[in-house]
Each structure stands twice: as C-alpha cells, then as structure tokens.
Amino acid sequence: MMRIFLPLRAVPLALSVSLALLLSPAHAALPDGGVQGLQTEVQARLSGLLGPSAAPLRIASPSFAGDYELTKLLQAPLDGPAAMRIALLHNPELQMALGAEGSSVTDMQSPGFPARLRARDEATRLALRAYKAWVNAVAAERSAQLLREAKTTAETADELTRRMVRAGNVNRLTQAQSQATLSEAAVALARGEQAAFAAREQLIRVLGLWGAQTGFTLASALPPLPASPTDTTDLEARALAARSSLQAERLSWQRKQATHVPSSIDERWDALGDAAKVRAQAVQVRSEAREVAFNLRTQWDIAHHLQNEVLPLRQFIHDELTLRYNGMLTSVFEVMADSRTRTMAELAAAEALRDYWLAFADVQAVLAGVSPEGSAPARTGAAAGADAKPAH
C-alpha cells in the first residue's frame, strides 16, 4: 500500500492532533458522546449566560475535536456565549485536566462520581472565565474608541488655540494649557489601547487560540443594561444547594454520625473537626452569595444612574453650549472642553456597564456551584483622562 508523508510544518498543529486521534486504533472504539452527560450538566449550570434555549454545549474529547464548530464560531463577531463555547472546545488546560481524569469523566461513571464533579466544576469555571475575559475585551476596545474621540477633540482645540495665538487673540498661558490637555489625552489613549490589546490577548489565552485563529472580530458592544437587576432572592440557599463539595462533605459527616458514636477524646476532637469543615464551607458559600448579590445591585445602580441621569444631563449641557456658541454667547473652547467632558462621561458609563456584566457572571458562578473568580477590569487610562484639565 502506498504511503504519503507530509512534512510536519505543512500540517497545522490542531489538525495534526486531530488526525492523530482519528488514525489511532483506540479512537474507533471510543463511544461517540462519551461526555454527553458532562456537557448537559455544564450547560444547565450556565443557562443564565447561554440562555435556556441555547444549542447544546460541546466539550472536546478523544472522539470529538470540534474543528468545524470552532471555525464556525470564529466566523461571526464573537459574543459572550460563543467565547464560552470556544473555550470548552479548545482550551488546552481543560483538555489536560480531563485527560488526567481519563474515562472517569465519561458517561460510564455516575454524575456524582468525584472525577465527574471535578470535571464539571473545572469546565464551569473555565466557561465563566471566558465570558469575563470577553466582557473585559469588548469593554476595553470601547474605552479605547472613546479615548480616541477625546484625543481628537483635544487636537482640534489645540490647533484652534495655536491659530488664535498667532492672531493675538489669546495668550501663551492658554496655549500651554491646551498643549497640556492634548498631552494628557495622548497618554490616556496610549494606556487605553494598551489595555485593549492586553484584554484581547487574555481572551485569546483563555480560548486557547493561536495563529490565524487570533484574527477573530469582537462584538462591537456589550449587551445593554437590563431594565432591572437580576433577581437574587434566596441566592444563599441556591448557592448552598449547588455547591457539590459542600454536599459531599456534609454527606460524609452525616454518615460518620449515623454509623459511629465517638467513644474517646480523640474521636470527639475528630468529630468536632469534621463538623467544623462543613460549617466552614457553608460560611464561605453564604458569604460569597451575599457579596456577589450586593455587588450586582450596586453595579446596576451605578450603570443605570450614569446611563439615565448623567449622560442625558451631559448631552443637555452640550446642546445648550452649542446654542450659546451659535449666538456668540460663549467661546468655541468652552464647547470643545464640554465635548471632552461628555466623552469622559460616556467612558465612565461604558466601564460601569462592563462592571455590571462582570458582577452578573459572578452571580452565575455562585449559582453554578463554584466560587466567583475575581478579575480586575482592564486599565483603560480613564483616570488619567478624567483628571486632565481642559484649556479655557
């Protein structure tokens, strides 16, 4: 039989791995959908982000590489659910974790098997990390866009100032103030673009992408702020019920209590320690639930206030100043300074929307039975831009 050999550099790494799996004799014996139960469990826990009617999740396995699904997901502008799906398909750390567990995570084992529980929690945490990384990346790109607008306004004001200085209409102090404002806007933009690049790279790492795959297009905006914050009623109880590690610790303690009565001082100390383990986890879970609920409500209040109070007010001020300028009652510099202030308000509103969706993801983590992972939002240079004093 003729054999055809291709140089390794001619075959992309992901494809070569897939081919190796397909050509392996053991691969043909693996049942298709060996992690179907795991996929269903993960999807149920992420329904708050994926939506109740979302297509079934797929997790990479020896019988499913997901190359076609990955290519399809990367063709459209990347949204949050797509980022979660790609991470579950392509993140190498998740595949390493599942590979270490082997067949223990497949449908051959019961849903309550420890390896299945660990795999479910690991996949859930990864999907939530991917969603939060996507939120940060989209928000950072929006912030950079607004900082570009602020710099453009500062450049226009600086050019007008130079012309008026040459005409003798303003003094050198005004020109120096204008130059300082432009310099601060340029620094803020550089920081914002750096933050946007870093946030995108963080997303790429979580998704496990490389090469041409990294050229995907991000969604242009985050989802709009909901009309009201997510209901967190009974979040503590729901979080306790969802935490598998707590349930396992509690069952273990209850079995010991039912089958053995401590008869020595050492056994009594052991019983005290076992009960404390359960209580410690419960305290942690309850505290996390209260914290994420409070944070969600706070971030919604801030974002709602900025969008519905501050931005309309800034627009009204800008419109009034424009009318006064047309009536020769104010200077063009005051109008431009207000334009820049309005852009900074839009930047604050965009970052507040980001913070709300990060807080929403933390609530979903608690409901999914895992601890929320703190993720510092990308630095955009907004602070530097907001502190800049406009020229008058």
Protein backbone atom coordinates (compact mmCIF):
# COMPACT_ATOMS: atom_id res chain seq x y z
CA MET A 1 0.00 0.00 0.00
CA MET A 2 1.35 3.42 -0.95
CA ARG A 3 2.06 5.74 1.95
CA ILE A 4 2.12 9.51 1.63
CA PHE A 5 4.22 11.52 4.06
CA LEU A 6 3.77 15.24 4.62
CA PRO A 7 6.34 17.47 6.30
CA LEU A 8 5.25 18.39 9.81
CA ARG A 9 5.37 22.11 9.09
CA ALA A 10 2.73 21.63 6.37
CA VAL A 11 0.13 20.40 8.84
CA PRO A 12 -1.30 22.86 11.41
CA LEU A 13 -0.84 21.70 14.98
CA ALA A 14 -4.56 21.47 15.79
CA LEU A 15 -5.19 19.48 12.61
CA SER A 16 -2.25 17.16 13.23
CA VAL A 17 -3.54 16.39 16.71
CA SER A 18 -7.00 15.68 15.31
CA LEU A 19 -5.56 13.41 12.63
CA ALA A 20 -3.51 11.54 15.19
CA LEU A 21 -6.63 10.89 17.24
CA LEU A 22 -8.64 9.81 14.23
CA LEU A 23 -5.97 7.41 12.98
CA SER A 24 -5.41 5.86 16.39
CA PRO A 25 -6.79 2.30 16.67
CA ALA A 26 -8.13 3.09 20.13
CA HIS A 27 -10.11 6.05 18.80
CA ALA A 28 -12.51 3.93 16.78
CA ALA A 29 -13.52 2.05 19.93
CA LEU A 30 -14.38 5.19 21.90
CA PRO A 31 -18.12 5.81 22.20
CA ASP A 32 -19.25 8.99 20.49
CA GLY A 33 -20.58 11.48 23.00
CA GLY A 34 -18.71 9.95 25.90
CA VAL A 35 -19.05 13.22 27.81
CA GLN A 36 -22.62 13.99 26.83
CA GLY A 37 -23.77 13.85 30.44
CA LEU A 38 -20.97 16.19 31.50
CA GLN A 39 -21.91 18.61 28.71
CA THR A 40 -25.55 18.60 29.81
CA GLU A 41 -24.61 19.29 33.43
CA VAL A 42 -22.34 22.18 32.50
CA GLN A 43 -24.96 23.69 30.20
CA ALA A 44 -27.60 23.54 32.92
CA ARG A 45 -25.31 25.47 35.24
CA LEU A 46 -24.50 28.11 32.62
CA SER A 47 -28.04 28.62 31.34
CA GLY A 48 -28.10 32.13 32.82
CA LEU A 49 -25.40 33.18 30.35
CA LEU A 50 -26.13 30.84 27.45
CA GLY A 51 -29.91 31.17 27.54
CA PRO A 52 -32.45 28.40 28.26
CA SER A 53 -32.98 27.58 24.55
CA ALA A 54 -29.30 27.62 23.51
CA ALA A 55 -27.84 24.92 21.30
CA PRO A 56 -26.18 22.04 23.20
CA LEU A 57 -22.68 22.68 24.52
CA ARG A 58 -19.83 20.55 23.21
CA ILE A 59 -16.66 19.72 25.14
CA ALA A 60 -13.60 18.36 23.36
CA SER A 61 -12.98 14.65 23.88
CA PRO A 62 -10.95 11.88 22.19
CA SER A 63 -13.91 11.30 19.86
CA PHE A 64 -14.70 14.98 19.19
CA ALA A 65 -12.06 17.56 18.29
CA GLY A 66 -14.57 20.26 17.34
CA ASP A 67 -12.56 21.78 14.46
CA TYR A 68 -15.63 22.55 12.34
CA GLU A 69 -17.52 24.06 15.28
CA LEU A 70 -14.52 26.20 16.17
CA THR A 71 -14.20 27.55 12.63
CA LYS A 72 -17.91 28.33 12.51
CA LEU A 73 -17.88 30.16 15.86
CA LEU A 74 -14.93 32.32 14.79
CA GLN A 75 -16.59 33.47 11.57
CA ALA A 76 -19.13 35.77 13.22
CA PRO A 77 -18.33 38.65 15.58
CA LEU A 78 -17.51 36.97 18.88
CA ASP A 79 -20.14 37.32 21.61
CA GLY A 80 -20.08 36.05 25.18
CA PRO A 81 -21.80 32.66 24.65
CA ALA A 82 -19.54 31.96 21.65
CA ALA A 83 -16.46 32.68 23.78
CA MET A 84 -17.67 30.17 26.35
CA ARG A 85 -18.27 27.53 23.68
CA ILE A 86 -14.84 28.04 22.13
CA ALA A 87 -13.10 27.74 25.49
CA LEU A 88 -14.83 24.44 26.23
CA LEU A 89 -13.85 23.18 22.79
CA HIS A 90 -10.31 24.45 22.54
CA ASN A 91 -8.75 25.43 25.87
CA PRO A 92 -5.70 23.17 26.37
CA GLU A 93 -5.71 23.43 30.16
CA LEU A 94 -9.22 22.00 30.31
CA GLN A 95 -8.21 19.17 27.99
CA MET A 96 -5.19 18.47 30.20
CA ALA A 97 -7.45 18.30 33.27
CA LEU A 98 -9.93 16.00 31.55
CA GLY A 99 -7.12 13.87 30.18
CA ALA A 100 -5.73 13.40 33.68
CA GLU A 101 -9.10 12.06 34.83
CA GLY A 102 -9.48 9.77 31.79
CA SER A 103 -12.63 7.67 31.48
CA SER A 104 -13.70 8.70 34.99
CA VAL A 105 -15.35 11.82 33.50
CA THR A 106 -17.32 9.98 30.83
CA ASP A 107 -20.86 8.68 30.93
CA MET A 108 -19.53 5.34 32.14
CA GLN A 109 -19.46 6.90 35.61
CA SER A 110 -22.37 8.26 37.63
CA PRO A 111 -22.94 12.05 37.75
CA GLY A 112 -21.96 12.05 41.44
CA PHE A 113 -18.60 10.37 40.86
CA PRO A 114 -15.82 12.62 42.26
CA ALA A 115 -13.97 12.87 38.95
CA ARG A 116 -17.18 13.84 37.17
CA LEU A 117 -17.85 16.54 39.76
CA ARG A 118 -14.31 17.89 39.44
CA ALA A 119 -14.57 17.93 35.65
CA ARG A 120 -17.94 19.67 35.78
CA ASP A 121 -16.64 22.37 38.10
CA GLU A 122 -13.46 22.82 36.06
CA ALA A 123 -15.41 23.24 32.83
CA THR A 124 -17.85 25.62 34.50
CA ARG A 125 -15.07 27.80 35.89
CA LEU A 126 -13.37 27.92 32.51
CA ALA A 127 -16.55 28.97 30.71
CA LEU A 128 -17.11 31.75 33.24
CA ARG A 129 -13.51 32.91 32.85
CA ALA A 130 -14.01 33.03 29.11
CA TYR A 131 -17.17 35.10 29.48
CA LYS A 132 -15.49 37.58 31.80
CA ALA A 133 -12.45 37.81 29.54
CA TRP A 134 -14.80 38.57 26.65
CA VAL A 135 -16.56 41.29 28.68
CA ASN A 136 -13.22 42.89 29.52
CA ALA A 137 -12.01 42.73 25.91
CA VAL A 138 -15.14 44.32 24.43
CA ALA A 139 -15.28 47.00 27.11
CA ALA A 140 -11.58 47.82 26.73
CA GLU A 141 -11.98 48.27 22.98
CA ARG A 142 -14.96 50.57 23.54
CA SER A 143 -12.97 52.59 26.07
CA ALA A 144 -10.09 52.95 23.61
CA GLN A 145 -12.53 54.20 20.99
CA LEU A 146 -13.87 56.87 23.34
CA LEU A 147 -10.35 57.92 24.30
CA ARG A 148 -9.56 58.36 20.60
CA GLU A 149 -12.52 60.72 20.35
CA ALA A 150 -11.26 62.65 23.37
CA LYS A 151 -7.82 62.99 21.80
CA THR A 152 -9.31 64.17 18.51
CA THR A 153 -11.23 66.88 20.37
CA ALA A 154 -8.06 67.92 22.20
CA GLU A 155 -6.15 68.09 18.90
CA THR A 156 -8.82 70.32 17.36
CA ALA A 157 -8.80 72.63 20.38
CA ASP A 158 -5.02 72.80 20.33
CA GLU A 159 -4.95 73.72 16.64
CA LEU A 160 -7.51 76.49 17.17
CA THR A 161 -5.51 77.80 20.11
CA ARG A 162 -2.35 77.99 18.00
CA ARG A 163 -4.15 79.96 15.32
CA MET A 164 -5.61 82.40 17.84
CA VAL A 165 -2.22 82.87 19.47
CA ARG A 166 -0.77 83.79 16.07
CA ALA A 167 -3.65 86.22 15.58
CA GLY A 168 -3.03 87.71 19.02
CA ASN A 169 -6.48 86.77 20.36
CA VAL A 170 -5.33 84.54 23.25
CA ASN A 171 -2.21 84.46 25.39
CA ARG A 172 0.57 81.92 25.76
CA LEU A 173 -0.88 80.59 29.02
CA THR A 174 -4.00 79.43 27.21
CA GLN A 175 -1.83 77.77 24.58
CA ALA A 176 0.21 75.97 27.26
CA GLN A 177 -2.99 74.74 28.91
CA SER A 178 -4.23 73.45 25.56
CA GLN A 179 -0.95 71.63 24.94
CA ALA A 180 -1.09 70.05 28.40
CA THR A 181 -4.63 68.82 27.77
CA LEU A 182 -3.59 67.28 24.44
CA SER A 183 -0.58 65.60 26.06
CA GLU A 184 -2.73 64.08 28.80
CA ALA A 185 -5.28 62.88 26.24
CA ALA A 186 -2.50 61.23 24.22
CA VAL A 187 -1.17 59.40 27.30
CA ALA A 188 -4.68 58.27 28.25
CA LEU A 189 -5.22 56.92 24.73
CA ALA A 190 -1.91 55.05 24.76
CA ARG A 191 -2.88 53.41 28.04
CA GLY A 192 -6.35 52.63 26.74
CA GLU A 193 -5.00 50.98 23.59
CA GLN A 194 -2.50 49.01 25.65
CA ALA A 195 -5.32 47.83 27.93
CA ALA A 196 -7.44 46.83 24.93
CA PHE A 197 -4.57 44.83 23.46
CA ALA A 198 -3.86 43.12 26.79
CA ALA A 199 -7.55 42.29 27.34
CA ARG A 200 -7.81 40.76 23.88
CA GLU A 201 -4.69 38.66 24.48
CA GLN A 202 -6.11 37.47 27.79
CA LEU A 203 -9.23 36.37 25.95
CA ILE A 204 -7.12 34.60 23.32
CA ARG A 205 -5.28 32.67 26.04
CA VAL A 206 -8.49 31.57 27.73
CA LEU A 207 -9.94 30.45 24.41
CA GLY A 208 -6.75 28.57 23.54
CA LEU A 209 -6.36 30.18 20.11
CA TRP A 210 -3.24 30.73 18.02
CA GLY A 211 -2.13 31.70 14.52
CA ALA A 212 -4.87 32.82 12.13
CA GLN A 213 -7.48 31.96 14.77
CA THR A 214 -6.50 35.07 16.72
CA GLY A 215 -7.78 37.34 13.95
CA PHE A 216 -11.40 37.00 15.05
CA THR A 217 -13.68 40.02 15.24
CA LEU A 218 -15.08 41.04 18.61
CA ALA A 219 -18.69 42.04 19.05
CA SER A 220 -18.98 45.82 18.83
CA ALA A 221 -20.74 46.25 22.18
CA LEU A 222 -21.73 44.54 25.40
CA PRO A 223 -25.36 43.57 25.95
CA PRO A 224 -27.46 46.53 27.10
CA LEU A 225 -28.13 47.07 30.77
CA PRO A 226 -31.33 45.20 31.76
CA ALA A 227 -34.32 47.20 32.92
CA SER A 228 -33.84 45.80 36.43
CA PRO A 229 -31.06 43.86 38.16
CA THR A 230 -31.15 40.09 38.17
CA ASP A 231 -33.29 38.61 40.93
CA THR A 232 -31.07 37.29 43.71
CA THR A 233 -33.85 36.12 46.02
CA ASP A 234 -32.82 33.05 48.04
CA LEU A 235 -29.35 33.21 46.49
CA GLU A 236 -27.74 31.85 49.66
CA ALA A 237 -29.95 28.75 49.69
CA ARG A 238 -29.49 28.19 45.96
CA ALA A 239 -25.73 28.55 46.30
CA LEU A 240 -25.60 26.04 49.15
CA ALA A 241 -27.61 23.52 47.14
CA ALA A 242 -25.39 23.94 44.07
CA ARG A 243 -22.01 23.52 45.82
CA SER A 244 -21.11 19.85 45.27
CA SER A 245 -18.05 19.94 47.53
CA LEU A 246 -20.20 21.13 50.43
CA GLN A 247 -22.80 18.45 49.77
CA ALA A 248 -20.11 15.75 49.68
CA GLU A 249 -18.58 16.98 52.95
CA ARG A 250 -21.99 17.10 54.60
CA LEU A 251 -22.91 13.56 53.49
CA SER A 252 -19.59 12.24 54.73
CA TRP A 253 -20.12 13.86 58.13
CA GLN A 254 -23.70 12.58 58.37
CA ARG A 255 -22.60 9.02 57.58
CA LYS A 256 -19.98 9.14 60.31
CA GLN A 257 -22.52 10.44 62.78
CA ALA A 258 -25.00 7.71 61.87
CA THR A 259 -22.56 4.79 61.98
CA HIS A 260 -20.18 5.64 64.78
CA VAL A 261 -20.54 7.31 68.18
CA PRO A 262 -17.26 8.88 69.40
CA SER A 263 -16.05 6.98 72.44
CA SER A 264 -12.69 8.62 73.14
CA ILE A 265 -11.49 12.18 73.48
CA ASP A 266 -9.54 11.93 70.22
CA GLU A 267 -12.61 10.72 68.36
CA ARG A 268 -14.61 13.58 69.82
CA TRP A 269 -12.00 16.04 68.60
CA ASP A 270 -12.18 14.40 65.17
CA ALA A 271 -15.97 14.74 65.17
CA LEU A 272 -15.64 18.41 66.10
CA GLY A 273 -13.20 18.93 63.23
CA ASP A 274 -15.49 17.16 60.74
CA ALA A 275 -18.44 19.33 61.74
CA ALA A 276 -16.26 22.44 61.51
CA LYS A 277 -15.27 21.55 57.93
CA VAL A 278 -18.90 21.51 56.88
CA ARG A 279 -19.65 24.73 58.71
CA ALA A 280 -16.57 26.48 57.28
CA GLN A 281 -17.63 25.71 53.72
CA ALA A 282 -21.19 26.81 54.42
CA VAL A 283 -19.97 30.11 55.88
CA GLN A 284 -17.81 30.67 52.79
CA VAL A 285 -20.59 29.88 50.32
CA ARG A 286 -23.13 32.05 52.13
CA SER A 287 -20.72 34.96 52.31
CA GLU A 288 -19.87 34.68 48.61
CA ALA A 289 -23.58 34.67 47.75
CA ARG A 290 -24.28 37.80 49.78
CA GLU A 291 -21.25 39.58 48.38
CA VAL A 292 -21.99 38.91 44.71
CA ALA A 293 -25.65 39.83 45.21
CA PHE A 294 -24.73 43.16 46.79
CA ASN A 295 -22.11 43.82 44.14
CA LEU A 296 -24.57 43.09 41.33
CA ARG A 297 -27.14 45.51 42.73
CA THR A 298 -24.50 48.19 43.29
CA GLN A 299 -23.07 47.89 39.78
CA TRP A 300 -26.56 48.02 38.29
CA ASP A 301 -27.38 51.16 40.28
CA ILE A 302 -24.17 52.87 39.12
CA ALA A 303 -24.60 51.91 35.47
CA HIS A 304 -28.28 52.86 35.50
CA HIS A 305 -27.53 56.25 37.06
CA LEU A 306 -24.82 57.05 34.55
CA GLN A 307 -26.89 55.97 31.56
CA ASN A 308 -30.20 57.52 32.60
CA GLU A 309 -29.13 60.57 34.59
CA VAL A 310 -25.57 61.64 33.85
CA LEU A 311 -25.38 61.07 30.09
CA PRO A 312 -28.69 62.87 29.32
CA LEU A 313 -27.56 65.74 31.55
CA ARG A 314 -24.20 65.98 29.78
CA GLN A 315 -26.00 65.96 26.42
CA PHE A 316 -28.31 68.76 27.54
CA ILE A 317 -25.35 70.87 28.69
CA HIS A 318 -23.57 70.26 25.38
CA ASP A 319 -26.65 71.23 23.36
CA GLU A 320 -27.12 74.42 25.37
CA LEU A 321 -23.49 75.41 24.98
CA THR A 322 -23.72 74.82 21.24
CA LEU A 323 -26.74 77.14 21.04
CA ARG A 324 -24.90 79.78 23.05
CA TYR A 325 -21.89 79.46 20.79
CA ASN A 326 -24.08 79.92 17.71
CA GLY A 327 -25.45 83.04 19.39
CA MET A 328 -21.90 84.24 20.10
CA LEU A 329 -22.52 83.99 23.85
CA THR A 330 -19.72 81.54 24.61
CA SER A 331 -16.37 80.52 23.14
CA VAL A 332 -15.52 77.58 20.96
CA PHE A 333 -13.06 76.47 23.63
CA GLU A 334 -15.81 76.06 26.19
CA VAL A 335 -17.82 73.95 23.72
CA MET A 336 -14.83 71.74 22.98
CA ALA A 337 -13.95 71.38 26.63
CA ASP A 338 -17.51 70.24 27.27
CA SER A 339 -17.28 67.78 24.36
CA ARG A 340 -14.32 66.18 26.01
CA THR A 341 -16.09 66.10 29.38
CA ARG A 342 -19.08 64.42 27.73
CA THR A 343 -16.78 61.80 26.20
CA MET A 344 -15.34 61.06 29.63
CA ALA A 345 -18.88 60.59 30.97
CA GLU A 346 -19.55 58.11 28.17
CA LEU A 347 -16.35 56.33 29.12
CA ALA A 348 -17.48 56.06 32.75
CA ALA A 349 -20.85 54.69 31.62
CA ALA A 350 -19.16 52.10 29.39
CA GLU A 351 -16.95 50.92 32.23
CA ALA A 352 -19.95 50.75 34.58
CA LEU A 353 -21.75 48.53 32.07
CA ARG A 354 -18.66 46.31 32.00
CA ASP A 355 -18.64 46.07 35.77
CA TYR A 356 -22.29 45.08 35.81
CA TRP A 357 -21.74 42.15 33.44
CA LEU A 358 -18.69 41.02 35.40
CA ALA A 359 -20.82 41.07 38.55
CA PHE A 360 -23.56 39.17 36.71
CA ALA A 361 -21.04 36.46 35.79
CA ASP A 362 -20.05 36.17 39.46
CA VAL A 363 -23.68 35.59 40.41
CA GLN A 364 -23.88 32.87 37.76
CA ALA A 365 -20.74 31.28 39.22
CA VAL A 366 -22.33 31.04 42.66
CA LEU A 367 -25.50 29.57 41.15
CA ALA A 368 -23.37 27.07 39.22
CA GLY A 369 -21.75 25.80 42.40
CA VAL A 370 -18.29 27.36 42.07
CA SER A 371 -16.59 30.26 43.79
CA PRO A 372 -16.54 33.51 41.79
CA GLU A 373 -13.09 34.29 40.48
CA GLY A 374 -12.00 37.87 40.92
CA SER A 375 -10.95 39.51 37.66
CA ALA A 376 -9.62 43.04 37.77
CA PRO A 377 -11.01 45.04 34.85
CA ALA A 378 -8.56 46.16 32.22
CA ARG A 379 -6.94 49.52 32.89
CA THR A 380 -8.10 51.97 30.26
CA GLY A 381 -6.38 55.20 31.16
CA ALA A 382 -9.74 56.73 32.06
CA ALA A 383 -8.38 58.04 35.34
CA ALA A 384 -5.65 59.94 33.58
CA GLY A 385 -8.12 61.29 31.05
CA ALA A 386 -10.66 62.30 33.67
CA ASP A 387 -8.06 64.16 35.71
CA ALA A 388 -6.92 66.23 32.73
CA LYS A 389 -7.94 69.88 32.99
CA PRO A 390 -9.37 71.36 29.79
CA ALA A 391 -7.97 74.58 28.41
CA HIS A 392 -10.11 77.68 28.59
